[in-house]
Amino acid sequence: MTNATEERTALYGTHVRLGAKMSPFGGFLMPIQYSGIIDEHRAVRTAVGMFDLSHMGQFVATGEGVEGWLDSLTVNEVATMRPGQARYNIFTNESGGALDDTIIYRLPSRWLVVVNASNTAKMWKWLREGSGKPSGIALDDRTQRSALIALQGPRSIELLQLLTSVDLASIKYYHAAEGVVDGVKAEIARTGYTGEDGFELFIAAGDAKRLWDKLTAEGGRVGLRPAGLGARDVLRLEAGMPLYGHELDETITPLQAGLDWAVKLDKPGFVGKQALIDQRSRGGYDRIAGLVMDGRAPARAGYPVFFDGSAAGEVRSGSPAPALGGKNIATALIADRAAEPGTEIEVEIRGQRHPAHVVALPFYKRSR
């Protein structure tokens, strides 16, 4: 049973027409799967998968000093971003926990901040009222007016290039350009959440159905499949990418999540900086680790983890991994003493402990 208050993206009717299994996610009714998670996963890893990500929050910031303001709120550098560049970042609270993880895009005359759907209302309120926003900066929540279609997989560029005059090969990974796709004005970003090459197309909501249908019509030649959030979750887990509410939340810091590479403690002050400096200095904190089950039992979020006979943490995400021959993989927030790759641990499943071992993340890396 669905909640009548769940929102629908501009592509909701298209998903229903395609027979997608719909379910609430982040305040929206979203497609979980179409032809099946395994089939959709295979399409992304070998050809092209197409996702509706219009539930994601989209905020546009304009005015003098946006880069300095955003730099003061996030762990990664914003002020050094060049026009056309995108960068993964994390907004933190005073204790260093993650308010949200995001991608920030520097576009001509504006900045685009894309936040998780479940955090859109929280982040909008915080950025407007709790972040010390200078009066000269304007914020626009364009989420309801916009759509986001993602093409992910090794043949994405081949498909998309059929429909645009923009030289897609010239767009580097984590960069973006403005252009037209089959007559639709778009911000074209070479970003994604699957571990594969691909593009995310930011367009007006009113253009979403026509562009989706056109991509579908042209996509048959490259093996395109519509893909739902079920496949997306498996793909991102294989690629070692965090999901907010699982590997990150307001009590889990970027250091604990293994995102040290994104934490620039040498940049000027930002919210949570001192807490993160203190945490790094102390060391010994619980951290996210990758697990592979030794048997066939699957690990699921919330299952207890044991090391050397004692409780050591809990599973945060888990799934069979098609890219690893169906092995059951998981992430867990576990004690530092148990987090070293190669460590043998146990996961408790329905009252029985099953052997597993710690591995380095990511589980899967695409061949370049």
Protein backbone atom coordinates (compact mmCIF):
# COMPACT_ATOMS: atom_id res chain seq x y z
CA MET A 1 0.00 0.00 0.00
CA THR A 2 1.43 3.39 -0.98
CA ASN A 3 1.03 6.66 0.80
CA ALA A 4 -1.10 9.23 -1.04
CA THR A 5 1.38 11.91 0.00
CA GLU A 6 4.23 10.33 -1.99
CA GLU A 7 5.25 12.59 -4.84
CA ARG A 8 5.59 11.53 -8.47
CA THR A 9 8.29 12.53 -10.91
CA ALA A 10 7.48 13.79 -14.41
CA LEU A 11 8.19 10.24 -15.65
CA TYR A 12 5.82 8.44 -13.25
CA GLY A 13 3.28 7.65 -15.99
CA THR A 14 6.05 6.30 -18.23
CA HIS A 15 7.25 3.93 -15.52
CA VAL A 16 3.72 2.65 -14.91
CA ARG A 17 3.20 2.15 -18.66
CA LEU A 18 6.44 0.13 -18.80
CA GLY A 19 5.21 -2.13 -16.00
CA ALA A 20 7.79 -1.03 -13.45
CA LYS A 21 7.44 -2.17 -9.86
CA MET A 22 6.88 1.10 -7.99
CA SER A 23 7.69 1.75 -4.36
CA PRO A 24 8.14 4.78 -2.05
CA PHE A 25 11.69 6.12 -1.89
CA GLY A 26 12.86 9.48 -0.59
CA GLY A 27 9.29 10.84 -0.54
CA PHE A 28 8.56 9.79 -4.16
CA LEU A 29 6.99 6.78 -5.83
CA MET A 30 9.94 5.45 -7.81
CA PRO A 31 10.60 2.47 -10.11
CA ILE A 32 12.43 -0.28 -8.23
CA GLN A 33 12.74 -2.60 -11.22
CA TYR A 34 11.42 -3.20 -14.71
CA SER A 35 12.71 -6.41 -16.36
CA GLY A 36 14.52 -7.47 -13.18
CA ILE A 37 17.50 -6.34 -11.13
CA ILE A 38 19.95 -8.83 -12.67
CA ASP A 39 18.98 -7.92 -16.25
CA GLU A 40 19.16 -4.20 -15.51
CA HIS A 41 22.49 -4.61 -13.70
CA ARG A 42 23.90 -6.50 -16.71
CA ALA A 43 22.78 -3.73 -19.06
CA VAL A 44 24.66 -1.10 -17.05
CA ARG A 45 27.84 -3.17 -16.77
CA THR A 46 27.88 -4.18 -20.47
CA ALA A 47 25.76 -1.68 -22.44
CA VAL A 48 23.49 1.12 -21.15
CA GLY A 49 21.00 1.46 -18.32
CA MET A 50 18.65 4.45 -18.14
CA PHE A 51 17.49 5.77 -14.78
CA ASP A 52 14.96 8.36 -13.66
CA LEU A 53 16.66 10.31 -10.87
CA SER A 54 14.24 13.23 -10.82
CA HIS A 55 13.58 12.66 -7.13
CA MET A 56 17.01 14.10 -6.29
CA GLY A 57 17.00 17.64 -4.87
CA GLN A 58 18.36 20.36 -7.16
CA PHE A 59 19.36 23.74 -5.70
CA VAL A 60 20.82 26.59 -7.75
CA ALA A 61 22.97 29.23 -6.03
CA THR A 62 23.88 32.55 -7.63
CA GLY A 63 25.56 35.77 -6.51
CA GLU A 64 28.92 36.92 -5.25
CA GLY A 65 30.80 34.59 -2.95
CA VAL A 66 28.91 31.31 -3.49
CA GLU A 67 32.15 29.35 -3.66
CA GLY A 68 33.42 30.71 -0.33
CA TRP A 69 30.09 30.06 1.36
CA LEU A 70 29.85 26.48 0.14
CA ASP A 71 33.52 25.96 0.99
CA SER A 72 32.74 26.87 4.61
CA LEU A 73 30.05 24.17 4.85
CA THR A 74 31.69 21.17 3.18
CA VAL A 75 34.72 18.94 3.65
CA ASN A 76 35.99 19.00 0.07
CA GLU A 77 37.23 22.07 -1.78
CA VAL A 78 34.71 24.22 -3.63
CA ALA A 79 36.62 27.47 -4.09
CA THR A 80 39.17 25.78 -6.37
CA MET A 81 36.54 24.43 -8.77
CA ARG A 82 36.79 25.64 -12.36
CA PRO A 83 33.82 26.40 -14.64
CA GLY A 84 32.41 23.17 -16.00
CA GLN A 85 33.73 21.08 -13.12
CA ALA A 86 31.76 18.80 -10.79
CA ARG A 87 32.95 17.61 -7.40
CA TYR A 88 31.70 15.11 -4.84
CA ASN A 89 31.29 16.72 -1.43
CA ILE A 90 29.81 16.26 2.02
CA PHE A 91 28.01 18.80 4.20
CA THR A 92 28.92 18.15 7.83
CA ASN A 93 27.53 19.17 11.21
CA GLU A 94 29.57 20.52 14.13
CA SER A 95 30.43 17.01 15.31
CA GLY A 96 31.69 16.02 11.85
CA GLY A 97 28.71 13.83 10.98
CA ALA A 98 27.30 13.97 7.47
CA LEU A 99 24.25 16.15 6.93
CA ASP A 100 24.25 14.94 3.33
CA ASP A 101 26.59 13.93 0.55
CA THR A 102 26.21 15.78 -2.70
CA ILE A 103 27.65 16.65 -6.07
CA ILE A 104 28.33 20.34 -6.64
CA TYR A 105 28.54 21.59 -10.24
CA ARG A 106 30.08 24.90 -11.23
CA LEU A 107 28.15 26.08 -14.29
CA PRO A 108 28.24 29.39 -16.18
CA SER A 109 26.99 32.11 -13.81
CA ARG A 110 25.57 29.62 -11.28
CA TRP A 111 26.27 26.67 -9.01
CA LEU A 112 24.13 23.53 -8.91
CA VAL A 113 23.96 21.50 -5.69
CA VAL A 114 22.35 18.06 -6.06
CA VAL A 115 21.27 16.48 -2.77
CA ASN A 116 19.68 13.18 -1.79
CA ALA A 117 15.91 13.01 -2.14
CA SER A 118 15.39 12.01 1.49
CA ASN A 119 17.36 15.08 2.59
CA THR A 120 15.97 17.68 0.19
CA ALA A 121 13.68 19.40 2.72
CA LYS A 122 16.31 19.23 5.47
CA MET A 123 19.08 20.64 3.31
CA TRP A 124 16.89 23.37 1.81
CA LYS A 125 15.89 24.58 5.26
CA TRP A 126 19.45 24.36 6.58
CA LEU A 127 21.05 26.16 3.64
CA ARG A 128 18.49 28.96 3.82
CA GLU A 129 18.24 29.35 7.58
CA GLY A 130 21.06 27.59 9.41
CA SER A 131 24.16 27.96 7.29
CA GLY A 132 24.96 31.65 7.63
CA LYS A 133 24.12 32.32 3.98
CA PRO A 134 25.28 35.82 2.96
CA SER A 135 22.47 38.15 1.91
CA GLY A 136 23.97 38.60 -1.56
CA ILE A 137 23.51 34.93 -2.47
CA ALA A 138 20.22 33.73 -3.97
CA LEU A 139 19.02 30.14 -3.69
CA ASP A 140 16.46 28.49 -5.96
CA ASP A 141 14.94 25.05 -5.33
CA ARG A 142 14.22 23.87 -8.87
CA THR A 143 13.52 20.24 -7.93
CA GLN A 144 9.84 20.30 -8.93
CA ARG A 145 10.52 22.05 -12.22
CA SER A 146 13.34 19.75 -13.26
CA ALA A 147 14.00 16.17 -14.25
CA LEU A 148 17.17 14.11 -14.19
CA ILE A 149 17.78 11.20 -16.57
CA ALA A 150 20.96 9.15 -16.18
CA LEU A 151 22.56 7.00 -18.87
CA GLN A 152 25.08 4.63 -17.32
CA GLY A 153 27.26 2.03 -18.98
CA PRO A 154 30.10 1.61 -21.49
CA ARG A 155 27.89 2.39 -24.52
CA SER A 156 26.30 5.52 -23.02
CA ILE A 157 28.49 7.88 -25.01
CA GLU A 158 27.69 6.03 -28.23
CA LEU A 159 23.95 6.42 -27.64
CA LEU A 160 23.94 9.99 -26.41
CA GLN A 161 26.23 11.26 -29.16
CA LEU A 162 23.52 10.33 -31.69
CA LEU A 163 21.29 13.02 -30.20
CA THR A 164 23.61 15.95 -29.47
CA SER A 165 26.19 18.08 -31.23
CA VAL A 166 28.15 18.48 -28.00
CA ASP A 167 31.46 16.63 -28.26
CA LEU A 168 30.87 14.21 -25.40
CA ALA A 169 34.38 12.79 -25.54
CA SER A 170 35.69 16.24 -24.60
CA ILE A 171 33.70 16.23 -21.34
CA LYS A 172 36.01 14.75 -18.74
CA TYR A 173 34.81 12.58 -15.87
CA TYR A 174 33.23 14.80 -13.19
CA HIS A 175 32.76 17.68 -15.60
CA ALA A 176 29.66 19.14 -17.24
CA ALA A 177 28.63 21.17 -20.27
CA GLU A 178 25.51 22.92 -21.46
CA GLY A 179 23.94 21.80 -24.72
CA VAL A 180 20.91 20.45 -26.54
CA VAL A 181 19.87 16.78 -26.66
CA ASP A 182 17.32 16.02 -29.39
CA GLY A 183 16.05 19.59 -29.21
CA VAL A 184 15.93 19.63 -25.40
CA LYS A 185 18.08 22.12 -23.50
CA ALA A 186 20.22 20.18 -21.03
CA GLU A 187 23.05 20.34 -18.58
CA ILE A 188 25.11 17.29 -19.55
CA ALA A 189 27.27 15.91 -16.72
CA ARG A 190 29.72 13.04 -16.94
CA THR A 191 28.85 11.78 -13.47
CA GLY A 192 27.06 8.77 -12.04
CA TYR A 193 26.51 6.36 -9.18
CA THR A 194 27.17 2.96 -10.71
CA GLY A 195 30.92 2.59 -11.14
CA GLU A 196 30.55 2.85 -14.93
CA ASP A 197 31.08 5.66 -17.41
CA GLY A 198 27.94 7.61 -18.16
CA PHE A 199 26.07 10.88 -18.25
CA GLU A 200 23.40 12.63 -16.20
CA LEU A 201 21.03 14.94 -18.08
CA PHE A 202 19.44 17.80 -16.15
CA ILE A 203 16.41 19.01 -18.10
CA ALA A 204 13.05 20.72 -17.61
CA ALA A 205 10.38 18.41 -16.22
CA GLY A 206 8.15 19.09 -19.22
CA ASP A 207 10.77 17.66 -21.58
CA ALA A 208 11.38 14.45 -19.64
CA LYS A 209 8.86 12.10 -21.27
CA ARG A 210 9.78 13.03 -24.84
CA LEU A 211 13.50 12.67 -24.21
CA TRP A 212 13.05 9.37 -22.34
CA ASP A 213 11.01 8.00 -25.25
CA LYS A 214 13.57 9.18 -27.79
CA LEU A 215 16.44 7.61 -25.87
CA THR A 216 14.42 4.40 -25.65
CA ALA A 217 13.78 4.40 -29.38
CA GLU A 218 17.45 4.97 -30.23
CA GLY A 219 18.74 2.76 -27.43
CA GLY A 220 17.75 -0.57 -28.95
CA ARG A 221 20.86 -0.54 -31.12
CA VAL A 222 23.16 -0.38 -28.05
CA GLY A 223 21.28 -2.67 -25.67
CA LEU A 224 19.64 0.02 -23.53
CA ARG A 225 17.39 -1.07 -20.66
CA PRO A 226 15.36 1.11 -18.31
CA ALA A 227 16.76 0.49 -14.84
CA GLY A 228 15.30 1.00 -11.39
CA LEU A 229 16.61 1.85 -7.97
CA GLY A 230 17.09 -1.83 -7.09
CA ALA A 231 19.80 -2.27 -9.72
CA ARG A 232 21.23 1.14 -8.87
CA ASP A 233 21.70 0.10 -5.24
CA VAL A 234 23.52 -3.11 -6.22
CA LEU A 235 25.70 -1.24 -8.72
CA ARG A 236 26.71 1.48 -6.25
CA LEU A 237 27.44 -1.11 -3.54
CA GLU A 238 29.72 -3.09 -5.87
CA ALA A 239 31.48 0.19 -6.69
CA GLY A 240 31.95 0.98 -2.98
CA MET A 241 29.87 4.17 -3.11
CA PRO A 242 28.06 5.26 0.07
CA LEU A 243 24.29 5.51 0.36
CA TYR A 244 23.07 8.17 2.77
CA GLY A 245 21.35 6.58 5.74
CA HIS A 246 23.58 3.50 5.43
CA GLU A 247 27.31 4.26 5.06
CA LEU A 248 26.79 7.94 5.97
CA ASP A 249 24.46 9.77 8.33
CA GLU A 250 24.57 12.53 10.92
CA THR A 251 26.44 10.25 13.34
CA ILE A 252 28.88 8.77 10.81
CA THR A 253 31.68 11.06 9.71
CA PRO A 254 33.37 11.04 6.28
CA LEU A 255 36.51 9.65 7.97
CA GLN A 256 34.56 6.72 9.35
CA ALA A 257 32.99 6.18 5.93
CA GLY A 258 36.42 5.82 4.33
CA LEU A 259 36.08 9.08 2.43
CA ASP A 260 39.35 10.55 3.70
CA TRP A 261 40.27 11.53 0.13
CA ALA A 262 37.41 14.05 0.13
CA VAL A 263 38.26 15.61 3.52
CA LYS A 264 40.56 18.60 3.06
CA LEU A 265 41.61 19.49 6.59
CA ASP A 266 44.16 21.98 5.32
CA LYS A 267 41.56 24.26 3.74
CA PRO A 268 40.14 27.24 5.71
CA GLY A 269 37.64 26.57 8.46
CA PHE A 270 34.44 24.68 7.71
CA VAL A 271 31.61 23.32 9.83
CA GLY A 272 32.85 20.22 11.65
CA LYS A 273 36.53 20.74 10.82
CA GLN A 274 37.77 20.66 14.41
CA ALA A 275 35.74 17.55 15.20
CA LEU A 276 37.28 15.78 12.21
CA ILE A 277 40.79 16.92 13.15
CA ASP A 278 40.23 15.56 16.66
CA GLN A 279 38.84 12.27 15.35
CA ARG A 280 41.77 11.75 13.01
CA SER A 281 44.25 12.58 15.80
CA ARG A 282 42.65 10.14 18.24
CA GLY A 283 42.29 7.34 15.72
CA GLY A 284 40.76 4.02 16.72
CA TYR A 285 37.26 4.96 15.53
CA ASP A 286 34.69 2.59 14.04
CA ARG A 287 34.79 2.61 10.27
CA ILE A 288 33.02 1.32 7.19
CA ALA A 289 34.59 -1.86 5.84
CA GLY A 290 33.80 -4.16 2.95
CA LEU A 291 32.79 -7.75 3.73
CA VAL A 292 32.48 -10.87 1.58
CA MET A 293 30.51 -13.75 3.02
CA ASP A 294 32.38 -17.06 2.89
CA GLY A 295 29.19 -19.05 2.34
CA ARG A 296 25.87 -18.51 0.61
CA ALA A 297 24.08 -16.72 3.43
CA PRO A 298 23.36 -13.06 2.53
CA ALA A 299 24.24 -10.24 4.90
CA ARG A 300 21.57 -7.55 5.32
CA ALA A 301 21.51 -4.10 6.89
CA GLY A 302 21.29 -4.27 10.67
CA TYR A 303 22.82 -7.73 11.11
CA PRO A 304 25.36 -7.86 13.99
CA VAL A 305 29.05 -8.39 13.21
CA PHE A 306 31.44 -10.25 15.54
CA PHE A 307 35.22 -10.33 15.71
CA ASP A 308 37.19 -12.69 17.91
CA GLY A 309 33.97 -13.72 19.65
CA SER A 310 32.88 -10.20 20.61
CA ALA A 311 30.37 -7.77 19.09
CA ALA A 312 32.22 -5.46 16.69
CA GLY A 313 29.53 -3.55 14.78
CA GLU A 314 26.72 -4.04 12.29
CA VAL A 315 26.05 -4.46 8.58
CA ARG A 316 25.01 -1.23 6.81
CA SER A 317 24.28 -2.57 3.28
CA GLY A 318 24.29 -6.03 1.74
CA SER A 319 23.49 -7.75 -1.54
CA PRO A 320 24.53 -10.52 -3.89
CA ALA A 321 27.02 -9.06 -6.37
CA PRO A 322 26.47 -10.15 -9.98
CA ALA A 323 29.79 -8.58 -10.99
CA LEU A 324 31.53 -10.91 -8.52
CA GLY A 325 29.81 -14.09 -9.67
CA GLY A 326 26.96 -13.73 -7.21
CA LYS A 327 29.07 -13.58 -4.05
CA ASN A 328 27.28 -11.99 -1.10
CA ILE A 329 28.92 -8.67 -0.27
CA ALA A 330 28.23 -6.08 2.39
CA THR A 331 29.48 -2.98 4.12
CA ALA A 332 29.62 -2.82 7.89
CA LEU A 333 30.41 -0.14 10.44
CA ILE A 334 32.84 -2.04 12.63
CA ALA A 335 35.52 -1.51 15.25
CA ASP A 336 38.88 -0.35 13.95
CA ARG A 337 40.54 -3.53 15.26
CA ALA A 338 38.37 -5.63 12.93
CA ALA A 339 38.49 -3.44 9.81
CA GLU A 340 41.81 -4.49 8.28
CA PRO A 341 41.43 -6.31 4.92
CA GLY A 342 41.90 -10.04 5.37
CA THR A 343 40.41 -10.07 8.87
CA GLU A 344 38.07 -12.99 9.53
CA ILE A 345 34.79 -11.95 11.13
CA GLU A 346 31.29 -13.37 11.61
CA VAL A 347 27.85 -12.03 10.71
CA GLU A 348 24.89 -13.12 12.79
CA ILE A 349 21.94 -14.14 10.62
CA ARG A 350 18.75 -15.29 12.35
CA GLY A 351 20.62 -16.29 15.48
CA GLN A 352 23.48 -18.12 13.75
CA ARG A 353 26.95 -16.73 13.05
CA HIS A 354 28.29 -17.09 9.52
CA PRO A 355 31.94 -16.59 8.52
CA ALA A 356 33.03 -13.68 6.36
CA HIS A 357 36.19 -11.73 5.71
CA VAL A 358 37.06 -8.06 5.32
CA VAL A 359 38.13 -6.80 1.89
CA ALA A 360 39.28 -3.46 0.56
CA LEU A 361 36.70 -1.27 -1.15
CA PRO A 362 35.53 -1.04 -3.85
CA PHE A 363 34.41 -4.57 -4.60
CA TYR A 364 34.31 -3.80 -8.34
CA LYS A 365 36.31 -1.51 -10.64
CA ARG A 366 35.53 -1.13 -14.31
CA SER A 367 38.32 -1.73 -16.80
CA ARG A 368 39.45 1.54 -18.37
